Amino acid sequence: MKYKMMMLSAITAFLLTGVVYANQSFNVDEKIQSMKEKLGLTDTQITVVKPILTEYKLQMEQLKSEKERRLKEVLTTEQMDKMKEMKKTEPDS
């Protein structure tokens, strides 16, 4: 039980670091490989974690699209262009 809680905490922390970089796309297989190396994931854990990461990536892409759509309803074309420029230096924009 303690091992499961530690692994769950480690995976959660690993996923939450992705929230900071939500505007940056990531490769699920590369993320899995990194987690395998850094966390020592077993093959069984990988089969469970991979769909979680895949779903997370999909949800982040959907949220990003929704944010863009809603901002286009409010911002002018000029403001949208400026916001795109801001994203280059301010990833959380």
Protein backbone atom coordinates (compact mmCIF):
# COMPACT_ATOMS: atom_id res chain seq x y z
CA MET A 1 0.00 0.00 0.00
CA LYS A 2 2.79 2.41 0.93
CA TYR A 3 4.58 1.64 -2.35
CA LYS A 4 1.39 2.32 -4.35
CA MET A 5 0.90 5.65 -2.60
CA MET A 6 4.52 6.65 -3.26
CA MET A 7 4.22 5.72 -6.94
CA LEU A 8 0.89 7.54 -7.26
CA SER A 9 2.43 10.62 -5.66
CA ALA A 10 5.43 10.48 -7.97
CA ILE A 11 3.27 10.08 -11.06
CA THR A 12 0.98 12.90 -9.95
CA ALA A 13 3.93 15.21 -9.38
CA PHE A 14 5.34 14.27 -12.77
CA LEU A 15 1.99 15.03 -14.45
CA LEU A 16 1.53 18.29 -12.58
CA THR A 17 4.85 19.58 -13.87
CA GLY A 18 3.26 19.29 -17.30
CA VAL A 19 0.58 21.78 -16.30
CA VAL A 20 3.23 24.48 -16.09
CA TYR A 21 4.18 23.71 -19.66
CA ALA A 22 0.66 23.11 -20.91
CA ASN A 23 1.22 25.26 -23.97
CA GLN A 24 4.09 23.06 -25.02
CA SER A 25 3.20 19.82 -26.70
CA PHE A 26 4.86 16.64 -25.48
CA ASN A 27 5.44 13.22 -26.94
CA VAL A 28 3.74 10.54 -24.85
CA ASP A 29 6.33 7.88 -25.66
CA GLU A 30 9.20 10.21 -24.73
CA LYS A 31 7.44 11.10 -21.48
CA ILE A 32 6.93 7.40 -20.71
CA GLN A 33 10.60 6.70 -21.40
CA SER A 34 11.62 9.55 -19.10
CA MET A 35 9.31 8.30 -16.36
CA LYS A 36 10.61 4.75 -16.81
CA GLU A 37 14.18 5.93 -16.38
CA LYS A 38 13.58 8.42 -13.56
CA LEU A 39 10.87 6.59 -11.63
CA GLY A 40 11.75 3.01 -12.47
CA LEU A 41 8.31 2.20 -13.87
CA THR A 42 7.58 -1.46 -14.46
CA ASP A 43 6.02 -2.70 -17.71
CA THR A 44 2.74 -3.14 -15.85
CA GLN A 45 2.84 0.47 -14.63
CA ILE A 46 3.63 1.68 -18.14
CA THR A 47 0.50 -0.01 -19.50
CA VAL A 48 -1.55 1.94 -16.95
CA VAL A 49 0.31 5.26 -17.16
CA LYS A 50 0.42 5.53 -20.96
CA PRO A 51 -3.38 5.90 -21.40
CA ILE A 52 -3.40 8.45 -18.56
CA LEU A 53 -0.79 10.56 -20.32
CA THR A 54 -2.52 10.16 -23.67
CA GLU A 55 -5.83 11.35 -22.20
CA TYR A 56 -4.09 14.20 -20.38
CA LYS A 57 -2.45 15.37 -23.61
CA LEU A 58 -5.75 15.22 -25.47
CA GLN A 59 -7.54 17.19 -22.75
CA MET A 60 -4.82 19.85 -22.72
CA GLU A 61 -5.06 20.21 -26.51
CA GLN A 62 -8.84 20.53 -26.26
CA LEU A 63 -8.55 23.15 -23.51
CA LYS A 64 -6.04 25.09 -25.56
CA SER A 65 -8.35 25.06 -28.57
CA GLU A 66 -11.30 26.14 -26.44
CA LYS A 67 -9.27 28.97 -24.92
CA GLU A 68 -8.24 30.19 -28.37
CA ARG A 69 -11.83 30.04 -29.64
CA ARG A 70 -13.19 31.98 -26.68
CA LEU A 71 -10.45 34.61 -26.82
CA LYS A 72 -11.13 35.17 -30.52
CA GLU A 73 -14.69 36.09 -29.55
CA VAL A 74 -13.41 38.89 -27.31
CA LEU A 75 -10.06 40.11 -28.64
CA THR A 76 -9.47 42.05 -31.82
CA THR A 77 -7.36 40.60 -34.61
CA GLU A 78 -4.53 42.91 -33.59
CA GLN A 79 -4.77 41.75 -29.97
CA MET A 80 -4.77 38.10 -31.03
CA ASP A 81 -1.64 38.72 -33.12
CA LYS A 82 0.06 40.37 -30.15
CA MET A 83 -0.96 37.49 -27.91
CA LYS A 84 0.65 35.02 -30.33
CA GLU A 85 3.87 37.03 -30.07
CA MET A 86 3.59 37.03 -26.26
CA LYS A 87 3.42 33.22 -26.27
CA LYS A 88 6.93 33.08 -27.69
CA THR A 89 8.36 34.69 -24.55
CA GLU A 90 5.57 34.00 -22.05
CA PRO A 91 4.44 30.36 -22.46
CA ASP A 92 1.56 30.77 -20.00
CA SER A 93 -0.12 33.46 -22.14
